[in-house]
Amino acid sequence: RLRAVAPLSVSWSQDVIFCTALLG
């Protein structure tokens, strides 16, 4: 039930990204 209402499914992404900017 919790996974069904989660906007970001596990398959969508499992990563944390460090970057210079969101558009960087």
PDBML (XML) file of the C-alpha atoms, coordinates in Angstrom:
<?xml version="1.0" encoding="UTF-8" ?>
<PDBx:datablock datablockName="MODEL"
   xmlns:PDBx="http://pdbml.pdb.org/schema/pdbx-v50.xsd"
   xmlns:xsi="http://www.w3.org/2001/XMLSchema-instance"
   xsi:schemaLocation="http://pdbml.pdb.org/schema/pdbx-v50.xsd pdbx-v50.xsd">
   <PDBx:atom_siteCategory>
      <PDBx:atom_site id="1">
         <PDBx:B_iso_or_equiv>0.00</PDBx:B_iso_or_equiv>
         <PDBx:Cartn_x>0.000</PDBx:Cartn_x>
         <PDBx:Cartn_y>0.000</PDBx:Cartn_y>
         <PDBx:Cartn_z>0.000</PDBx:Cartn_z>
         <PDBx:auth_asym_id>A</PDBx:auth_asym_id>
         <PDBx:auth_atom_id>CA</PDBx:auth_atom_id>
         <PDBx:auth_comp_id>ARG</PDBx:auth_comp_id>
         <PDBx:auth_seq_id>1</PDBx:auth_seq_id>
         <PDBx:group_PDB>ATOM</PDBx:group_PDB>
         <PDBx:label_alt_id xsi:nil="true" />
         <PDBx:label_asym_id>A</PDBx:label_asym_id>
         <PDBx:label_atom_id>CA</PDBx:label_atom_id>
         <PDBx:label_comp_id>ARG</PDBx:label_comp_id>
         <PDBx:label_entity_id>1</PDBx:label_entity_id>
         <PDBx:label_seq_id>1</PDBx:label_seq_id>
         <PDBx:occupancy>1.00</PDBx:occupancy>
         <PDBx:pdbx_PDB_model_num>1</PDBx:pdbx_PDB_model_num>
         <PDBx:type_symbol>C</PDBx:type_symbol>
      </PDBx:atom_site>
      <PDBx:atom_site id="2">
         <PDBx:B_iso_or_equiv>0.00</PDBx:B_iso_or_equiv>
         <PDBx:Cartn_x>2.828</PDBx:Cartn_x>
         <PDBx:Cartn_y>2.399</PDBx:Cartn_y>
         <PDBx:Cartn_z>0.802</PDBx:Cartn_z>
         <PDBx:auth_asym_id>A</PDBx:auth_asym_id>
         <PDBx:auth_atom_id>CA</PDBx:auth_atom_id>
         <PDBx:auth_comp_id>LEU</PDBx:auth_comp_id>
         <PDBx:auth_seq_id>2</PDBx:auth_seq_id>
         <PDBx:group_PDB>ATOM</PDBx:group_PDB>
         <PDBx:label_alt_id xsi:nil="true" />
         <PDBx:label_asym_id>A</PDBx:label_asym_id>
         <PDBx:label_atom_id>CA</PDBx:label_atom_id>
         <PDBx:label_comp_id>LEU</PDBx:label_comp_id>
         <PDBx:label_entity_id>1</PDBx:label_entity_id>
         <PDBx:label_seq_id>2</PDBx:label_seq_id>
         <PDBx:occupancy>1.00</PDBx:occupancy>
         <PDBx:pdbx_PDB_model_num>1</PDBx:pdbx_PDB_model_num>
         <PDBx:type_symbol>C</PDBx:type_symbol>
      </PDBx:atom_site>
      <PDBx:atom_site id="3">
         <PDBx:B_iso_or_equiv>0.00</PDBx:B_iso_or_equiv>
         <PDBx:Cartn_x>4.697</PDBx:Cartn_x>
         <PDBx:Cartn_y>1.646</PDBx:Cartn_y>
         <PDBx:Cartn_z>-2.417</PDBx:Cartn_z>
         <PDBx:auth_asym_id>A</PDBx:auth_asym_id>
         <PDBx:auth_atom_id>CA</PDBx:auth_atom_id>
         <PDBx:auth_comp_id>ARG</PDBx:auth_comp_id>
         <PDBx:auth_seq_id>3</PDBx:auth_seq_id>
         <PDBx:group_PDB>ATOM</PDBx:group_PDB>
         <PDBx:label_alt_id xsi:nil="true" />
         <PDBx:label_asym_id>A</PDBx:label_asym_id>
         <PDBx:label_atom_id>CA</PDBx:label_atom_id>
         <PDBx:label_comp_id>ARG</PDBx:label_comp_id>
         <PDBx:label_entity_id>1</PDBx:label_entity_id>
         <PDBx:label_seq_id>3</PDBx:label_seq_id>
         <PDBx:occupancy>1.00</PDBx:occupancy>
         <PDBx:pdbx_PDB_model_num>1</PDBx:pdbx_PDB_model_num>
         <PDBx:type_symbol>C</PDBx:type_symbol>
      </PDBx:atom_site>
      <PDBx:atom_site id="4">
         <PDBx:B_iso_or_equiv>0.00</PDBx:B_iso_or_equiv>
         <PDBx:Cartn_x>1.498</PDBx:Cartn_x>
         <PDBx:Cartn_y>2.114</PDBx:Cartn_y>
         <PDBx:Cartn_z>-4.426</PDBx:Cartn_z>
         <PDBx:auth_asym_id>A</PDBx:auth_asym_id>
         <PDBx:auth_atom_id>CA</PDBx:auth_atom_id>
         <PDBx:auth_comp_id>ALA</PDBx:auth_comp_id>
         <PDBx:auth_seq_id>4</PDBx:auth_seq_id>
         <PDBx:group_PDB>ATOM</PDBx:group_PDB>
         <PDBx:label_alt_id xsi:nil="true" />
         <PDBx:label_asym_id>A</PDBx:label_asym_id>
         <PDBx:label_atom_id>CA</PDBx:label_atom_id>
         <PDBx:label_comp_id>ALA</PDBx:label_comp_id>
         <PDBx:label_entity_id>1</PDBx:label_entity_id>
         <PDBx:label_seq_id>4</PDBx:label_seq_id>
         <PDBx:occupancy>1.00</PDBx:occupancy>
         <PDBx:pdbx_PDB_model_num>1</PDBx:pdbx_PDB_model_num>
         <PDBx:type_symbol>C</PDBx:type_symbol>
      </PDBx:atom_site>
      <PDBx:atom_site id="5">
         <PDBx:B_iso_or_equiv>0.00</PDBx:B_iso_or_equiv>
         <PDBx:Cartn_x>1.170</PDBx:Cartn_x>
         <PDBx:Cartn_y>5.743</PDBx:Cartn_y>
         <PDBx:Cartn_z>-3.310</PDBx:Cartn_z>
         <PDBx:auth_asym_id>A</PDBx:auth_asym_id>
         <PDBx:auth_atom_id>CA</PDBx:auth_atom_id>
         <PDBx:auth_comp_id>VAL</PDBx:auth_comp_id>
         <PDBx:auth_seq_id>5</PDBx:auth_seq_id>
         <PDBx:group_PDB>ATOM</PDBx:group_PDB>
         <PDBx:label_alt_id xsi:nil="true" />
         <PDBx:label_asym_id>A</PDBx:label_asym_id>
         <PDBx:label_atom_id>CA</PDBx:label_atom_id>
         <PDBx:label_comp_id>VAL</PDBx:label_comp_id>
         <PDBx:label_entity_id>1</PDBx:label_entity_id>
         <PDBx:label_seq_id>5</PDBx:label_seq_id>
         <PDBx:occupancy>1.00</PDBx:occupancy>
         <PDBx:pdbx_PDB_model_num>1</PDBx:pdbx_PDB_model_num>
         <PDBx:type_symbol>C</PDBx:type_symbol>
      </PDBx:atom_site>
      <PDBx:atom_site id="6">
         <PDBx:B_iso_or_equiv>0.00</PDBx:B_iso_or_equiv>
         <PDBx:Cartn_x>4.894</PDBx:Cartn_x>
         <PDBx:Cartn_y>6.595</PDBx:Cartn_y>
         <PDBx:Cartn_z>-3.470</PDBx:Cartn_z>
         <PDBx:auth_asym_id>A</PDBx:auth_asym_id>
         <PDBx:auth_atom_id>CA</PDBx:auth_atom_id>
         <PDBx:auth_comp_id>ALA</PDBx:auth_comp_id>
         <PDBx:auth_seq_id>6</PDBx:auth_seq_id>
         <PDBx:group_PDB>ATOM</PDBx:group_PDB>
         <PDBx:label_alt_id xsi:nil="true" />
         <PDBx:label_asym_id>A</PDBx:label_asym_id>
         <PDBx:label_atom_id>CA</PDBx:label_atom_id>
         <PDBx:label_comp_id>ALA</PDBx:label_comp_id>
         <PDBx:label_entity_id>1</PDBx:label_entity_id>
         <PDBx:label_seq_id>6</PDBx:label_seq_id>
         <PDBx:occupancy>1.00</PDBx:occupancy>
         <PDBx:pdbx_PDB_model_num>1</PDBx:pdbx_PDB_model_num>
         <PDBx:type_symbol>C</PDBx:type_symbol>
      </PDBx:atom_site>
      <PDBx:atom_site id="7">
         <PDBx:B_iso_or_equiv>0.00</PDBx:B_iso_or_equiv>
         <PDBx:Cartn_x>5.459</PDBx:Cartn_x>
         <PDBx:Cartn_y>9.013</PDBx:Cartn_y>
         <PDBx:Cartn_z>-6.381</PDBx:Cartn_z>
         <PDBx:auth_asym_id>A</PDBx:auth_asym_id>
         <PDBx:auth_atom_id>CA</PDBx:auth_atom_id>
         <PDBx:auth_comp_id>PRO</PDBx:auth_comp_id>
         <PDBx:auth_seq_id>7</PDBx:auth_seq_id>
         <PDBx:group_PDB>ATOM</PDBx:group_PDB>
         <PDBx:label_alt_id xsi:nil="true" />
         <PDBx:label_asym_id>A</PDBx:label_asym_id>
         <PDBx:label_atom_id>CA</PDBx:label_atom_id>
         <PDBx:label_comp_id>PRO</PDBx:label_comp_id>
         <PDBx:label_entity_id>1</PDBx:label_entity_id>
         <PDBx:label_seq_id>7</PDBx:label_seq_id>
         <PDBx:occupancy>1.00</PDBx:occupancy>
         <PDBx:pdbx_PDB_model_num>1</PDBx:pdbx_PDB_model_num>
         <PDBx:type_symbol>C</PDBx:type_symbol>
      </PDBx:atom_site>
      <PDBx:atom_site id="8">
         <PDBx:B_iso_or_equiv>0.00</PDBx:B_iso_or_equiv>
         <PDBx:Cartn_x>9.017</PDBx:Cartn_x>
         <PDBx:Cartn_y>7.759</PDBx:Cartn_y>
         <PDBx:Cartn_z>-6.962</PDBx:Cartn_z>
         <PDBx:auth_asym_id>A</PDBx:auth_asym_id>
         <PDBx:auth_atom_id>CA</PDBx:auth_atom_id>
         <PDBx:auth_comp_id>LEU</PDBx:auth_comp_id>
         <PDBx:auth_seq_id>8</PDBx:auth_seq_id>
         <PDBx:group_PDB>ATOM</PDBx:group_PDB>
         <PDBx:label_alt_id xsi:nil="true" />
         <PDBx:label_asym_id>A</PDBx:label_asym_id>
         <PDBx:label_atom_id>CA</PDBx:label_atom_id>
         <PDBx:label_comp_id>LEU</PDBx:label_comp_id>
         <PDBx:label_entity_id>1</PDBx:label_entity_id>
         <PDBx:label_seq_id>8</PDBx:label_seq_id>
         <PDBx:occupancy>1.00</PDBx:occupancy>
         <PDBx:pdbx_PDB_model_num>1</PDBx:pdbx_PDB_model_num>
         <PDBx:type_symbol>C</PDBx:type_symbol>
      </PDBx:atom_site>
      <PDBx:atom_site id="9">
         <PDBx:B_iso_or_equiv>0.00</PDBx:B_iso_or_equiv>
         <PDBx:Cartn_x>9.119</PDBx:Cartn_x>
         <PDBx:Cartn_y>4.002</PDBx:Cartn_y>
         <PDBx:Cartn_z>-7.411</PDBx:Cartn_z>
         <PDBx:auth_asym_id>A</PDBx:auth_asym_id>
         <PDBx:auth_atom_id>CA</PDBx:auth_atom_id>
         <PDBx:auth_comp_id>SER</PDBx:auth_comp_id>
         <PDBx:auth_seq_id>9</PDBx:auth_seq_id>
         <PDBx:group_PDB>ATOM</PDBx:group_PDB>
         <PDBx:label_alt_id xsi:nil="true" />
         <PDBx:label_asym_id>A</PDBx:label_asym_id>
         <PDBx:label_atom_id>CA</PDBx:label_atom_id>
         <PDBx:label_comp_id>SER</PDBx:label_comp_id>
         <PDBx:label_entity_id>1</PDBx:label_entity_id>
         <PDBx:label_seq_id>9</PDBx:label_seq_id>
         <PDBx:occupancy>1.00</PDBx:occupancy>
         <PDBx:pdbx_PDB_model_num>1</PDBx:pdbx_PDB_model_num>
         <PDBx:type_symbol>C</PDBx:type_symbol>
      </PDBx:atom_site>
      <PDBx:atom_site id="10">
         <PDBx:B_iso_or_equiv>0.00</PDBx:B_iso_or_equiv>
         <PDBx:Cartn_x>12.311</PDBx:Cartn_x>
         <PDBx:Cartn_y>2.163</PDBx:Cartn_y>
         <PDBx:Cartn_z>-6.539</PDBx:Cartn_z>
         <PDBx:auth_asym_id>A</PDBx:auth_asym_id>
         <PDBx:auth_atom_id>CA</PDBx:auth_atom_id>
         <PDBx:auth_comp_id>VAL</PDBx:auth_comp_id>
         <PDBx:auth_seq_id>10</PDBx:auth_seq_id>
         <PDBx:group_PDB>ATOM</PDBx:group_PDB>
         <PDBx:label_alt_id xsi:nil="true" />
         <PDBx:label_asym_id>A</PDBx:label_asym_id>
         <PDBx:label_atom_id>CA</PDBx:label_atom_id>
         <PDBx:label_comp_id>VAL</PDBx:label_comp_id>
         <PDBx:label_entity_id>1</PDBx:label_entity_id>
         <PDBx:label_seq_id>10</PDBx:label_seq_id>
         <PDBx:occupancy>1.00</PDBx:occupancy>
         <PDBx:pdbx_PDB_model_num>1</PDBx:pdbx_PDB_model_num>
         <PDBx:type_symbol>C</PDBx:type_symbol>
      </PDBx:atom_site>
      <PDBx:atom_site id="11">
         <PDBx:B_iso_or_equiv>0.00</PDBx:B_iso_or_equiv>
         <PDBx:Cartn_x>12.714</PDBx:Cartn_x>
         <PDBx:Cartn_y>1.312</PDBx:Cartn_y>
         <PDBx:Cartn_z>-10.232</PDBx:Cartn_z>
         <PDBx:auth_asym_id>A</PDBx:auth_asym_id>
         <PDBx:auth_atom_id>CA</PDBx:auth_atom_id>
         <PDBx:auth_comp_id>SER</PDBx:auth_comp_id>
         <PDBx:auth_seq_id>11</PDBx:auth_seq_id>
         <PDBx:group_PDB>ATOM</PDBx:group_PDB>
         <PDBx:label_alt_id xsi:nil="true" />
         <PDBx:label_asym_id>A</PDBx:label_asym_id>
         <PDBx:label_atom_id>CA</PDBx:label_atom_id>
         <PDBx:label_comp_id>SER</PDBx:label_comp_id>
         <PDBx:label_entity_id>1</PDBx:label_entity_id>
         <PDBx:label_seq_id>11</PDBx:label_seq_id>
         <PDBx:occupancy>1.00</PDBx:occupancy>
         <PDBx:pdbx_PDB_model_num>1</PDBx:pdbx_PDB_model_num>
         <PDBx:type_symbol>C</PDBx:type_symbol>
      </PDBx:atom_site>
      <PDBx:atom_site id="12">
         <PDBx:B_iso_or_equiv>0.00</PDBx:B_iso_or_equiv>
         <PDBx:Cartn_x>12.701</PDBx:Cartn_x>
         <PDBx:Cartn_y>5.020</PDBx:Cartn_y>
         <PDBx:Cartn_z>-11.152</PDBx:Cartn_z>
         <PDBx:auth_asym_id>A</PDBx:auth_asym_id>
         <PDBx:auth_atom_id>CA</PDBx:auth_atom_id>
         <PDBx:auth_comp_id>TRP</PDBx:auth_comp_id>
         <PDBx:auth_seq_id>12</PDBx:auth_seq_id>
         <PDBx:group_PDB>ATOM</PDBx:group_PDB>
         <PDBx:label_alt_id xsi:nil="true" />
         <PDBx:label_asym_id>A</PDBx:label_asym_id>
         <PDBx:label_atom_id>CA</PDBx:label_atom_id>
         <PDBx:label_comp_id>TRP</PDBx:label_comp_id>
         <PDBx:label_entity_id>1</PDBx:label_entity_id>
         <PDBx:label_seq_id>12</PDBx:label_seq_id>
         <PDBx:occupancy>1.00</PDBx:occupancy>
         <PDBx:pdbx_PDB_model_num>1</PDBx:pdbx_PDB_model_num>
         <PDBx:type_symbol>C</PDBx:type_symbol>
      </PDBx:atom_site>
      <PDBx:atom_site id="13">
         <PDBx:B_iso_or_equiv>0.00</PDBx:B_iso_or_equiv>
         <PDBx:Cartn_x>16.022</PDBx:Cartn_x>
         <PDBx:Cartn_y>5.651</PDBx:Cartn_y>
         <PDBx:Cartn_z>-9.405</PDBx:Cartn_z>
         <PDBx:auth_asym_id>A</PDBx:auth_asym_id>
         <PDBx:auth_atom_id>CA</PDBx:auth_atom_id>
         <PDBx:auth_comp_id>SER</PDBx:auth_comp_id>
         <PDBx:auth_seq_id>13</PDBx:auth_seq_id>
         <PDBx:group_PDB>ATOM</PDBx:group_PDB>
         <PDBx:label_alt_id xsi:nil="true" />
         <PDBx:label_asym_id>A</PDBx:label_asym_id>
         <PDBx:label_atom_id>CA</PDBx:label_atom_id>
         <PDBx:label_comp_id>SER</PDBx:label_comp_id>
         <PDBx:label_entity_id>1</PDBx:label_entity_id>
         <PDBx:label_seq_id>13</PDBx:label_seq_id>
         <PDBx:occupancy>1.00</PDBx:occupancy>
         <PDBx:pdbx_PDB_model_num>1</PDBx:pdbx_PDB_model_num>
         <PDBx:type_symbol>C</PDBx:type_symbol>
      </PDBx:atom_site>
      <PDBx:atom_site id="14">
         <PDBx:B_iso_or_equiv>0.00</PDBx:B_iso_or_equiv>
         <PDBx:Cartn_x>18.209</PDBx:Cartn_x>
         <PDBx:Cartn_y>4.294</PDBx:Cartn_y>
         <PDBx:Cartn_z>-6.635</PDBx:Cartn_z>
         <PDBx:auth_asym_id>A</PDBx:auth_asym_id>
         <PDBx:auth_atom_id>CA</PDBx:auth_atom_id>
         <PDBx:auth_comp_id>GLN</PDBx:auth_comp_id>
         <PDBx:auth_seq_id>14</PDBx:auth_seq_id>
         <PDBx:group_PDB>ATOM</PDBx:group_PDB>
         <PDBx:label_alt_id xsi:nil="true" />
         <PDBx:label_asym_id>A</PDBx:label_asym_id>
         <PDBx:label_atom_id>CA</PDBx:label_atom_id>
         <PDBx:label_comp_id>GLN</PDBx:label_comp_id>
         <PDBx:label_entity_id>1</PDBx:label_entity_id>
         <PDBx:label_seq_id>14</PDBx:label_seq_id>
         <PDBx:occupancy>1.00</PDBx:occupancy>
         <PDBx:pdbx_PDB_model_num>1</PDBx:pdbx_PDB_model_num>
         <PDBx:type_symbol>C</PDBx:type_symbol>
      </PDBx:atom_site>
      <PDBx:atom_site id="15">
         <PDBx:B_iso_or_equiv>0.00</PDBx:B_iso_or_equiv>
         <PDBx:Cartn_x>20.938</PDBx:Cartn_x>
         <PDBx:Cartn_y>6.929</PDBx:Cartn_y>
         <PDBx:Cartn_z>-6.876</PDBx:Cartn_z>
         <PDBx:auth_asym_id>A</PDBx:auth_asym_id>
         <PDBx:auth_atom_id>CA</PDBx:auth_atom_id>
         <PDBx:auth_comp_id>ASP</PDBx:auth_comp_id>
         <PDBx:auth_seq_id>15</PDBx:auth_seq_id>
         <PDBx:group_PDB>ATOM</PDBx:group_PDB>
         <PDBx:label_alt_id xsi:nil="true" />
         <PDBx:label_asym_id>A</PDBx:label_asym_id>
         <PDBx:label_atom_id>CA</PDBx:label_atom_id>
         <PDBx:label_comp_id>ASP</PDBx:label_comp_id>
         <PDBx:label_entity_id>1</PDBx:label_entity_id>
         <PDBx:label_seq_id>15</PDBx:label_seq_id>
         <PDBx:occupancy>1.00</PDBx:occupancy>
         <PDBx:pdbx_PDB_model_num>1</PDBx:pdbx_PDB_model_num>
         <PDBx:type_symbol>C</PDBx:type_symbol>
      </PDBx:atom_site>
      <PDBx:atom_site id="16">
         <PDBx:B_iso_or_equiv>0.00</PDBx:B_iso_or_equiv>
         <PDBx:Cartn_x>22.141</PDBx:Cartn_x>
         <PDBx:Cartn_y>10.093</PDBx:Cartn_y>
         <PDBx:Cartn_z>-5.172</PDBx:Cartn_z>
         <PDBx:auth_asym_id>A</PDBx:auth_asym_id>
         <PDBx:auth_atom_id>CA</PDBx:auth_atom_id>
         <PDBx:auth_comp_id>VAL</PDBx:auth_comp_id>
         <PDBx:auth_seq_id>16</PDBx:auth_seq_id>
         <PDBx:group_PDB>ATOM</PDBx:group_PDB>
         <PDBx:label_alt_id xsi:nil="true" />
         <PDBx:label_asym_id>A</PDBx:label_asym_id>
         <PDBx:label_atom_id>CA</PDBx:label_atom_id>
         <PDBx:label_comp_id>VAL</PDBx:label_comp_id>
         <PDBx:label_entity_id>1</PDBx:label_entity_id>
         <PDBx:label_seq_id>16</PDBx:label_seq_id>
         <PDBx:occupancy>1.00</PDBx:occupancy>
         <PDBx:pdbx_PDB_model_num>1</PDBx:pdbx_PDB_model_num>
         <PDBx:type_symbol>C</PDBx:type_symbol>
      </PDBx:atom_site>
      <PDBx:atom_site id="17">
         <PDBx:B_iso_or_equiv>0.00</PDBx:B_iso_or_equiv>
         <PDBx:Cartn_x>24.034</PDBx:Cartn_x>
         <PDBx:Cartn_y>12.402</PDBx:Cartn_y>
         <PDBx:Cartn_z>-7.544</PDBx:Cartn_z>
         <PDBx:auth_asym_id>A</PDBx:auth_asym_id>
         <PDBx:auth_atom_id>CA</PDBx:auth_atom_id>
         <PDBx:auth_comp_id>ILE</PDBx:auth_comp_id>
         <PDBx:auth_seq_id>17</PDBx:auth_seq_id>
         <PDBx:group_PDB>ATOM</PDBx:group_PDB>
         <PDBx:label_alt_id xsi:nil="true" />
         <PDBx:label_asym_id>A</PDBx:label_asym_id>
         <PDBx:label_atom_id>CA</PDBx:label_atom_id>
         <PDBx:label_comp_id>ILE</PDBx:label_comp_id>
         <PDBx:label_entity_id>1</PDBx:label_entity_id>
         <PDBx:label_seq_id>17</PDBx:label_seq_id>
         <PDBx:occupancy>1.00</PDBx:occupancy>
         <PDBx:pdbx_PDB_model_num>1</PDBx:pdbx_PDB_model_num>
         <PDBx:type_symbol>C</PDBx:type_symbol>
      </PDBx:atom_site>
      <PDBx:atom_site id="18">
         <PDBx:B_iso_or_equiv>0.00</PDBx:B_iso_or_equiv>
         <PDBx:Cartn_x>26.475</PDBx:Cartn_x>
         <PDBx:Cartn_y>15.161</PDBx:Cartn_y>
         <PDBx:Cartn_z>-6.580</PDBx:Cartn_z>
         <PDBx:auth_asym_id>A</PDBx:auth_asym_id>
         <PDBx:auth_atom_id>CA</PDBx:auth_atom_id>
         <PDBx:auth_comp_id>PHE</PDBx:auth_comp_id>
         <PDBx:auth_seq_id>18</PDBx:auth_seq_id>
         <PDBx:group_PDB>ATOM</PDBx:group_PDB>
         <PDBx:label_alt_id xsi:nil="true" />
         <PDBx:label_asym_id>A</PDBx:label_asym_id>
         <PDBx:label_atom_id>CA</PDBx:label_atom_id>
         <PDBx:label_comp_id>PHE</PDBx:label_comp_id>
         <PDBx:label_entity_id>1</PDBx:label_entity_id>
         <PDBx:label_seq_id>18</PDBx:label_seq_id>
         <PDBx:occupancy>1.00</PDBx:occupancy>
         <PDBx:pdbx_PDB_model_num>1</PDBx:pdbx_PDB_model_num>
         <PDBx:type_symbol>C</PDBx:type_symbol>
      </PDBx:atom_site>
      <PDBx:atom_site id="19">
         <PDBx:B_iso_or_equiv>0.00</PDBx:B_iso_or_equiv>
         <PDBx:Cartn_x>26.692</PDBx:Cartn_x>
         <PDBx:Cartn_y>17.900</PDBx:Cartn_y>
         <PDBx:Cartn_z>-9.195</PDBx:Cartn_z>
         <PDBx:auth_asym_id>A</PDBx:auth_asym_id>
         <PDBx:auth_atom_id>CA</PDBx:auth_atom_id>
         <PDBx:auth_comp_id>CYS</PDBx:auth_comp_id>
         <PDBx:auth_seq_id>19</PDBx:auth_seq_id>
         <PDBx:group_PDB>ATOM</PDBx:group_PDB>
         <PDBx:label_alt_id xsi:nil="true" />
         <PDBx:label_asym_id>A</PDBx:label_asym_id>
         <PDBx:label_atom_id>CA</PDBx:label_atom_id>
         <PDBx:label_comp_id>CYS</PDBx:label_comp_id>
         <PDBx:label_entity_id>1</PDBx:label_entity_id>
         <PDBx:label_seq_id>19</PDBx:label_seq_id>
         <PDBx:occupancy>1.00</PDBx:occupancy>
         <PDBx:pdbx_PDB_model_num>1</PDBx:pdbx_PDB_model_num>
         <PDBx:type_symbol>C</PDBx:type_symbol>
      </PDBx:atom_site>
      <PDBx:atom_site id="20">
         <PDBx:B_iso_or_equiv>0.00</PDBx:B_iso_or_equiv>
         <PDBx:Cartn_x>27.778</PDBx:Cartn_x>
         <PDBx:Cartn_y>21.472</PDBx:Cartn_y>
         <PDBx:Cartn_z>-9.844</PDBx:Cartn_z>
         <PDBx:auth_asym_id>A</PDBx:auth_asym_id>
         <PDBx:auth_atom_id>CA</PDBx:auth_atom_id>
         <PDBx:auth_comp_id>THR</PDBx:auth_comp_id>
         <PDBx:auth_seq_id>20</PDBx:auth_seq_id>
         <PDBx:group_PDB>ATOM</PDBx:group_PDB>
         <PDBx:label_alt_id xsi:nil="true" />
         <PDBx:label_asym_id>A</PDBx:label_asym_id>
         <PDBx:label_atom_id>CA</PDBx:label_atom_id>
         <PDBx:label_comp_id>THR</PDBx:label_comp_id>
         <PDBx:label_entity_id>1</PDBx:label_entity_id>
         <PDBx:label_seq_id>20</PDBx:label_seq_id>
         <PDBx:occupancy>1.00</PDBx:occupancy>
         <PDBx:pdbx_PDB_model_num>1</PDBx:pdbx_PDB_model_num>
         <PDBx:type_symbol>C</PDBx:type_symbol>
      </PDBx:atom_site>
      <PDBx:atom_site id="21">
         <PDBx:B_iso_or_equiv>0.00</PDBx:B_iso_or_equiv>
         <PDBx:Cartn_x>24.102</PDBx:Cartn_x>
         <PDBx:Cartn_y>22.463</PDBx:Cartn_y>
         <PDBx:Cartn_z>-10.289</PDBx:Cartn_z>
         <PDBx:auth_asym_id>A</PDBx:auth_asym_id>
         <PDBx:auth_atom_id>CA</PDBx:auth_atom_id>
         <PDBx:auth_comp_id>ALA</PDBx:auth_comp_id>
         <PDBx:auth_seq_id>21</PDBx:auth_seq_id>
         <PDBx:group_PDB>ATOM</PDBx:group_PDB>
         <PDBx:label_alt_id xsi:nil="true" />
         <PDBx:label_asym_id>A</PDBx:label_asym_id>
         <PDBx:label_atom_id>CA</PDBx:label_atom_id>
         <PDBx:label_comp_id>ALA</PDBx:label_comp_id>
         <PDBx:label_entity_id>1</PDBx:label_entity_id>
         <PDBx:label_seq_id>21</PDBx:label_seq_id>
         <PDBx:occupancy>1.00</PDBx:occupancy>
         <PDBx:pdbx_PDB_model_num>1</PDBx:pdbx_PDB_model_num>
         <PDBx:type_symbol>C</PDBx:type_symbol>
      </PDBx:atom_site>
      <PDBx:atom_site id="22">
         <PDBx:B_iso_or_equiv>0.00</PDBx:B_iso_or_equiv>
         <PDBx:Cartn_x>20.886</PDBx:Cartn_x>
         <PDBx:Cartn_y>20.690</PDBx:Cartn_y>
         <PDBx:Cartn_z>-11.141</PDBx:Cartn_z>
         <PDBx:auth_asym_id>A</PDBx:auth_asym_id>
         <PDBx:auth_atom_id>CA</PDBx:auth_atom_id>
         <PDBx:auth_comp_id>LEU</PDBx:auth_comp_id>
         <PDBx:auth_seq_id>22</PDBx:auth_seq_id>
         <PDBx:group_PDB>ATOM</PDBx:group_PDB>
         <PDBx:label_alt_id xsi:nil="true" />
         <PDBx:label_asym_id>A</PDBx:label_asym_id>
         <PDBx:label_atom_id>CA</PDBx:label_atom_id>
         <PDBx:label_comp_id>LEU</PDBx:label_comp_id>
         <PDBx:label_entity_id>1</PDBx:label_entity_id>
         <PDBx:label_seq_id>22</PDBx:label_seq_id>
         <PDBx:occupancy>1.00</PDBx:occupancy>
         <PDBx:pdbx_PDB_model_num>1</PDBx:pdbx_PDB_model_num>
         <PDBx:type_symbol>C</PDBx:type_symbol>
      </PDBx:atom_site>
      <PDBx:atom_site id="23">
         <PDBx:B_iso_or_equiv>0.00</PDBx:B_iso_or_equiv>
         <PDBx:Cartn_x>21.416</PDBx:Cartn_x>
         <PDBx:Cartn_y>21.816</PDBx:Cartn_y>
         <PDBx:Cartn_z>-14.715</PDBx:Cartn_z>
         <PDBx:auth_asym_id>A</PDBx:auth_asym_id>
         <PDBx:auth_atom_id>CA</PDBx:auth_atom_id>
         <PDBx:auth_comp_id>LEU</PDBx:auth_comp_id>
         <PDBx:auth_seq_id>23</PDBx:auth_seq_id>
         <PDBx:group_PDB>ATOM</PDBx:group_PDB>
         <PDBx:label_alt_id xsi:nil="true" />
         <PDBx:label_asym_id>A</PDBx:label_asym_id>
         <PDBx:label_atom_id>CA</PDBx:label_atom_id>
         <PDBx:label_comp_id>LEU</PDBx:label_comp_id>
         <PDBx:label_entity_id>1</PDBx:label_entity_id>
         <PDBx:label_seq_id>23</PDBx:label_seq_id>
         <PDBx:occupancy>1.00</PDBx:occupancy>
         <PDBx:pdbx_PDB_model_num>1</PDBx:pdbx_PDB_model_num>
         <PDBx:type_symbol>C</PDBx:type_symbol>
      </PDBx:atom_site>
      <PDBx:atom_site id="24">
         <PDBx:B_iso_or_equiv>0.00</PDBx:B_iso_or_equiv>
         <PDBx:Cartn_x>25.167</PDBx:Cartn_x>
         <PDBx:Cartn_y>21.361</PDBx:Cartn_y>
         <PDBx:Cartn_z>-14.400</PDBx:Cartn_z>
         <PDBx:auth_asym_id>A</PDBx:auth_asym_id>
         <PDBx:auth_atom_id>CA</PDBx:auth_atom_id>
         <PDBx:auth_comp_id>GLY</PDBx:auth_comp_id>
         <PDBx:auth_seq_id>24</PDBx:auth_seq_id>
         <PDBx:group_PDB>ATOM</PDBx:group_PDB>
         <PDBx:label_alt_id xsi:nil="true" />
         <PDBx:label_asym_id>A</PDBx:label_asym_id>
         <PDBx:label_atom_id>CA</PDBx:label_atom_id>
         <PDBx:label_comp_id>GLY</PDBx:label_comp_id>
         <PDBx:label_entity_id>1</PDBx:label_entity_id>
         <PDBx:label_seq_id>24</PDBx:label_seq_id>
         <PDBx:occupancy>1.00</PDBx:occupancy>
         <PDBx:pdbx_PDB_model_num>1</PDBx:pdbx_PDB_model_num>
         <PDBx:type_symbol>C</PDBx:type_symbol>
      </PDBx:atom_site>
   </PDBx:atom_siteCategory>
</PDBx:datablock>
